[in-house]
């Protein structure tokens, strides 16, 4: 797998953050059709899955090898694992028909889940990627500008 860049990872985080904000706003607005919310949730799930494929495949393993088991990376990795399991459960709980049938419950569940996702993104940006840069695990900029 090619070395990832801080630039690319932060761009992905920005996309995820914008999508979280949009989904939060839509979920809280009873006038937004459930189909639009379901579409937005699907888009967010694809962004998150693509991003996690990078982190699981390259970043977390390399940082854990470099920094050791006693590092913050270990705690972040454990937190990420718990969040991933909860995220999968959340996604599987809310197909379109369930969003339509239980809109209030969906909104409450979304209010609980999305801040956790946002917090993980922010923590990775502040701690994990800085360590990745320091230890040469990620580069500052993309070497292949077509991937942006």
Protein backbone atom coordinates (compact mmCIF):
# COMPACT_ATOMS: atom_id res chain seq x y z
CA UNK A 1 0.00 0.00 0.00
CA UNK A 2 1.41 3.44 -0.91
CA UNK A 3 2.30 5.78 1.90
CA UNK A 4 -0.61 8.01 2.87
CA UNK A 5 -0.33 11.74 3.32
CA UNK A 6 -1.49 14.04 6.08
CA UNK A 7 -3.03 16.16 3.33
CA UNK A 8 -5.20 13.28 2.07
CA UNK A 9 -6.21 12.04 5.51
CA UNK A 10 -7.20 15.54 6.63
CA UNK A 11 -9.17 16.01 3.42
CA UNK A 12 -11.05 12.79 4.20
CA UNK A 13 -11.64 13.97 7.77
CA UNK A 14 -13.03 17.26 6.44
CA UNK A 15 -15.42 15.38 4.14
CA UNK A 16 -16.55 13.15 7.01
CA UNK A 17 -17.06 16.17 9.31
CA UNK A 18 -19.15 17.99 6.68
CA UNK A 19 -21.24 14.87 6.12
CA UNK A 20 -21.74 14.42 9.90
CA UNK A 21 -22.95 18.02 10.15
CA UNK A 22 -25.33 17.60 7.21
CA UNK A 23 -26.73 14.32 8.55
CA UNK A 24 -27.17 15.79 12.04
CA UNK A 25 -29.12 18.70 10.63
CA UNK A 26 -31.26 16.48 8.42
CA UNK A 27 -31.99 13.99 11.19
CA UNK A 28 -33.22 16.80 13.45
CA UNK A 29 -35.52 18.28 10.79
CA UNK A 30 -38.87 16.43 10.59
CA UNK A 31 -39.56 18.02 7.20
CA UNK A 32 -36.63 16.26 5.51
CA UNK A 33 -37.81 13.05 3.80
CA UNK A 34 -36.50 9.83 5.31
CA UNK A 35 -35.22 8.84 1.86
CA UNK A 36 -32.91 11.89 1.77
CA UNK A 37 -31.63 11.05 5.25
CA UNK A 38 -31.08 7.43 4.28
CA UNK A 39 -29.12 8.55 1.22
CA UNK A 40 -26.95 10.87 3.34
CA UNK A 41 -26.34 8.09 5.87
CA UNK A 42 -25.29 5.77 3.06
CA UNK A 43 -22.87 8.39 1.69
CA UNK A 44 -21.37 8.87 5.14
CA UNK A 45 -21.03 5.11 5.62
CA UNK A 46 -19.07 4.87 2.35
CA UNK A 47 -16.75 7.73 3.33
CA UNK A 48 -16.11 6.19 6.73
CA UNK A 49 -15.51 2.71 5.30
CA UNK A 50 -13.03 4.01 2.74
CA UNK A 51 -11.21 6.04 5.38
CA UNK A 52 -11.07 3.16 7.85
CA UNK A 53 -9.57 0.93 5.18
CA UNK A 54 -6.58 3.30 5.10
CA UNK A 55 -6.22 3.52 8.83
CA UNK A 56 -6.68 -0.17 9.56
CA UNK A 57 -4.36 -1.18 6.74
CA UNK A 58 -1.54 1.28 7.18
CA UNK A 59 -1.70 3.83 9.95
CA UNK A 60 -2.74 2.08 13.15
CA UNK A 61 -0.53 -1.01 12.63
CA UNK A 62 2.52 1.12 11.78
CA UNK A 63 2.04 3.50 14.68
CA UNK A 64 1.48 0.63 17.10
CA UNK A 65 4.70 -1.03 15.88
CA UNK A 66 6.63 2.23 16.12
CA UNK A 67 5.28 3.59 19.39
CA UNK A 68 4.58 0.38 21.30
CA UNK A 69 1.71 -1.00 23.30
CA UNK A 70 1.92 1.61 26.05
CA UNK A 71 1.21 4.49 23.66
CA UNK A 72 -1.89 6.59 23.14
CA UNK A 73 -2.19 4.81 19.81
CA UNK A 74 -3.15 1.62 21.63
CA UNK A 75 -5.96 3.39 23.45
CA UNK A 76 -7.07 5.06 20.22
CA UNK A 77 -7.05 1.71 18.45
CA UNK A 78 -9.20 0.17 21.20
CA UNK A 79 -11.59 3.13 21.12
CA UNK A 80 -11.78 2.89 17.36
CA UNK A 81 -12.61 -0.83 17.56
CA UNK A 82 -15.50 -0.15 19.96
CA UNK A 83 -16.75 2.72 17.82
CA UNK A 84 -16.58 0.58 14.68
CA UNK A 85 -18.71 -2.12 16.28
CA UNK A 86 -21.23 0.49 17.46
CA UNK A 87 -21.18 2.16 14.02
CA UNK A 88 -21.93 -1.14 12.29
CA UNK A 89 -24.78 -1.77 14.72
CA UNK A 90 -26.12 1.75 14.15
CA UNK A 91 -26.01 1.37 10.37
CA UNK A 92 -27.69 -2.02 10.43
CA UNK A 93 -30.41 -0.67 12.73
CA UNK A 94 -31.46 2.10 10.35
CA UNK A 95 -32.46 1.02 6.86
CA UNK A 96 -34.91 3.38 5.16
CA UNK A 97 -38.06 1.61 6.35
CA UNK A 98 -36.92 1.81 9.98
CA UNK A 99 -36.03 5.50 9.67
CA UNK A 100 -39.53 6.12 8.27
CA UNK A 101 -41.26 4.04 10.96
CA UNK A 102 -39.30 5.34 13.95
CA UNK A 103 -38.07 8.79 12.99
CA UNK A 104 -37.84 10.12 16.57
CA UNK A 105 -35.87 7.11 17.76
CA UNK A 106 -33.58 7.40 14.74
CA UNK A 107 -32.98 11.08 15.53
CA UNK A 108 -32.08 10.30 19.15
CA UNK A 109 -29.79 7.43 18.14
CA UNK A 110 -28.15 9.69 15.57
CA UNK A 111 -27.66 12.41 18.20
CA UNK A 112 -25.77 9.83 20.27
CA UNK A 113 -23.69 8.27 17.48
CA UNK A 114 -22.51 11.19 15.36
CA UNK A 115 -20.75 13.13 18.14
CA UNK A 116 -18.75 9.99 18.92
CA UNK A 117 -17.74 9.68 15.28
CA UNK A 118 -16.80 13.37 15.17
CA UNK A 119 -14.75 13.04 18.36
CA UNK A 120 -12.81 10.10 16.90
CA UNK A 121 -12.03 12.09 13.77
CA UNK A 122 -10.83 15.05 15.81
CA UNK A 123 -8.71 12.88 18.11
CA UNK A 124 -7.05 11.19 15.16
CA UNK A 125 -6.30 14.56 13.59
CA UNK A 126 -4.77 15.93 16.79
CA UNK A 127 -2.84 12.90 18.05
CA UNK A 128 -2.53 10.05 15.61
CA UNK A 129 -1.57 11.93 12.48
CA UNK A 130 0.94 14.12 14.30
CA UNK A 131 2.64 10.95 15.54
CA UNK A 132 2.46 9.48 12.05
CA UNK A 133 4.25 12.51 10.63
CA UNK A 134 6.90 12.49 13.37
CA UNK A 135 7.68 8.82 12.80
CA UNK A 136 7.59 8.94 9.00
CA UNK A 137 4.49 6.75 8.74
CA UNK A 138 2.64 9.36 6.70
CA UNK A 139 3.96 12.13 4.46
CA UNK A 140 2.89 15.74 4.66
CA UNK A 141 1.63 15.99 1.09
CA UNK A 142 0.31 13.58 -1.51
CA UNK A 143 2.99 12.47 -3.92
CA UNK A 144 0.35 11.63 -6.52
CA UNK A 145 -1.75 14.80 -7.00
CA UNK A 146 -4.36 12.93 -9.08
CA UNK A 147 -5.57 11.12 -5.92
CA UNK A 148 -6.83 14.34 -4.29
